[in-house]
Structures are given as C-alpha cells and as structure tokens.
Amino acid sequence: MRSINLTNFCMEEDDYTTKKKVYCNHGLVVHLKTSWISNNSGRRYWSCSYYGDKENIDLKSKFVILKLIQKLGELENIVESSQTSATAFELIEVTEEVDKLTREISNKMMIV
C-alpha cells in the first residue's frame, strides 16, 4: 500500500480519487465521515474502526451534546465579558482617584 496525505485528500470535494479505497495502518478500509461538533462542524475526516469507542450515539444524544457545548461557549463568553467589564470599572475608579489626588495636589501647590 502506498501512503496518501489524507489531510489534503479530505479537502478536495470534487476530487474523484475519493472513490478509491483508503486503508488505515491496520489494513482496514477507512470511511470518510463528517464532524458534527460545533468546533469542527462540516470537517471531513477518515475513520478507522479501531479508533475511539464502539458505542454509537443516538441522534437525540448528539443533539443534546451539541446544545450543551453551545451553552458552555455562551457561558464562557459571559464570564469573559464580565471579567472585562470588572476590569474596565476598576480602571475608571482608579482614574477618578488619580484625578482627585491630582486636584488636591494642585490646590495645595496654589496655597503654598
């Protein structure tokens, strides 16, 4: 068997060489599948039957997992934006304190 660069091989949608049988290192025919998770949705990859677990996931579970992944991403964005907001608020407070001290120093210098 000759070696094929499977990464480029997956990307060429209209390439008719995908009709050829592709084998894994175990000597088994691999199948071209499409990823369904949100990070890589639509990404095509070659699947060896020895890779991963043997359990098949039903459609409802896939849907629930996908929604949970999306919700996790939303929550991470909320946490990140709240941290950014807190930092901006602290910066405003520090800036106001610096301005106040600057005015006090200016007033004291005028008195002297």
Protein backbone atom coordinates (compact mmCIF):
# COMPACT_ATOMS: atom_id res chain seq x y z
CA MET A 1 0.00 0.00 0.00
CA ARG A 2 1.24 3.44 -0.77
CA SER A 3 0.96 6.34 1.63
CA ILE A 4 -1.55 9.10 0.91
CA ASN A 5 -1.72 12.53 2.53
CA LEU A 6 -5.23 12.18 3.96
CA THR A 7 -5.48 15.80 5.13
CA ASN A 8 -5.34 17.19 1.61
CA PHE A 9 -7.31 14.23 0.36
CA CYS A 10 -10.28 15.18 2.58
CA MET A 11 -10.35 18.79 1.48
CA GLU A 12 -10.83 18.23 -2.21
CA GLU A 13 -14.61 17.98 -2.56
CA ASP A 14 -14.73 17.38 -6.30
CA ASP A 15 -11.74 15.06 -6.42
CA TYR A 16 -12.83 11.76 -7.89
CA THR A 17 -9.88 9.99 -6.28
CA THR A 18 -12.06 9.76 -3.17
CA LYS A 19 -13.75 6.86 -4.95
CA LYS A 20 -10.58 4.84 -4.30
CA LYS A 21 -10.41 2.67 -1.20
CA VAL A 22 -8.23 4.11 1.55
CA TYR A 23 -6.72 1.83 4.20
CA CYS A 24 -5.64 2.53 7.78
CA ASN A 25 -2.48 1.21 9.43
CA HIS A 26 -4.45 -1.87 10.48
CA GLY A 27 -5.08 -2.72 6.83
CA LEU A 28 -8.81 -1.96 7.07
CA VAL A 29 -10.78 0.26 4.72
CA VAL A 30 -11.43 3.64 6.36
CA HIS A 31 -14.59 5.65 5.81
CA LEU A 32 -14.85 9.37 5.17
CA LYS A 33 -17.08 10.95 7.82
CA THR A 34 -18.18 14.47 8.66
CA SER A 35 -17.76 16.01 12.11
CA TRP A 36 -20.91 17.22 13.86
CA ILE A 37 -19.45 19.12 16.85
CA SER A 38 -19.67 22.91 16.67
CA ASN A 39 -15.88 23.47 16.75
CA ASN A 40 -15.34 21.39 13.63
CA SER A 41 -18.80 21.11 12.11
CA GLY A 42 -18.58 20.09 8.49
CA ARG A 43 -14.95 18.96 8.79
CA ARG A 44 -14.33 15.71 6.99
CA TYR A 45 -12.09 13.02 8.46
CA TRP A 46 -11.15 9.38 7.92
CA SER A 47 -12.46 6.91 10.47
CA CYS A 48 -10.77 3.64 11.41
CA SER A 49 -13.00 1.12 13.18
CA TYR A 50 -10.30 0.64 15.85
CA TYR A 51 -10.28 4.33 16.78
CA GLY A 52 -12.49 5.56 19.62
CA ASP A 53 -15.17 3.65 21.43
CA LYS A 54 -17.61 1.18 19.98
CA GLU A 55 -20.72 2.86 21.37
CA ASN A 56 -22.94 4.52 18.82
CA ILE A 57 -24.53 7.76 19.93
CA ASP A 58 -28.19 8.20 19.05
CA LEU A 59 -29.36 11.40 17.34
CA LYS A 60 -31.04 12.82 20.45
CA SER A 61 -27.83 12.46 22.47
CA LYS A 62 -25.83 14.12 19.69
CA PHE A 63 -28.33 16.99 19.68
CA VAL A 64 -28.17 17.37 23.47
CA ILE A 65 -24.36 17.27 23.49
CA LEU A 66 -24.20 19.88 20.72
CA LYS A 67 -26.59 22.17 22.63
CA LEU A 68 -24.60 21.72 25.85
CA ILE A 69 -21.37 22.61 24.02
CA GLN A 70 -23.04 25.74 22.62
CA LYS A 71 -24.37 26.69 26.07
CA LEU A 72 -20.90 26.19 27.57
CA GLY A 73 -19.47 28.54 24.95
CA GLU A 74 -22.13 31.15 25.75
CA LEU A 75 -21.39 30.90 29.48
CA GLU A 76 -17.64 31.21 28.85
CA ASN A 77 -18.32 34.37 26.81
CA ILE A 78 -20.46 35.81 29.62
CA VAL A 79 -17.74 35.12 32.20
CA GLU A 80 -15.07 36.63 29.94
CA SER A 81 -17.14 39.76 29.24
CA SER A 82 -17.95 40.21 32.95
CA GLN A 83 -14.24 39.99 33.77
CA THR A 84 -13.55 42.60 31.10
CA SER A 85 -16.35 44.81 32.49
CA ALA A 86 -14.99 44.47 36.03
CA THR A 87 -11.51 45.43 34.83
CA ALA A 88 -12.91 48.46 32.98
CA PHE A 89 -14.88 49.50 36.09
CA GLU A 90 -11.76 49.20 38.27
CA LEU A 91 -9.82 51.27 35.73
CA ILE A 92 -12.46 54.02 35.89
CA GLU A 93 -12.31 54.02 39.72
CA VAL A 94 -8.51 54.26 39.71
CA THR A 95 -8.60 57.05 37.11
CA GLU A 96 -11.09 59.03 39.24
CA GLU A 97 -8.90 58.55 42.33
CA VAL A 98 -5.82 59.76 40.43
CA ASP A 99 -7.74 62.82 39.17
CA LYS A 100 -8.92 63.58 42.72
CA LEU A 101 -5.38 63.34 44.12
CA THR A 102 -4.05 65.47 41.25
CA ARG A 103 -6.61 68.21 42.04
CA GLU A 104 -5.71 68.09 45.75
CA ILE A 105 -2.01 68.42 44.97
CA SER A 106 -2.71 71.31 42.58
CA ASN A 107 -4.79 73.09 45.23
CA LYS A 108 -2.06 72.63 47.86
CA MET A 109 0.57 73.96 45.47
CA MET A 110 -1.53 77.09 44.85
CA ILE A 111 -1.84 77.69 48.58
CA VAL A 112 1.92 77.48 49.15
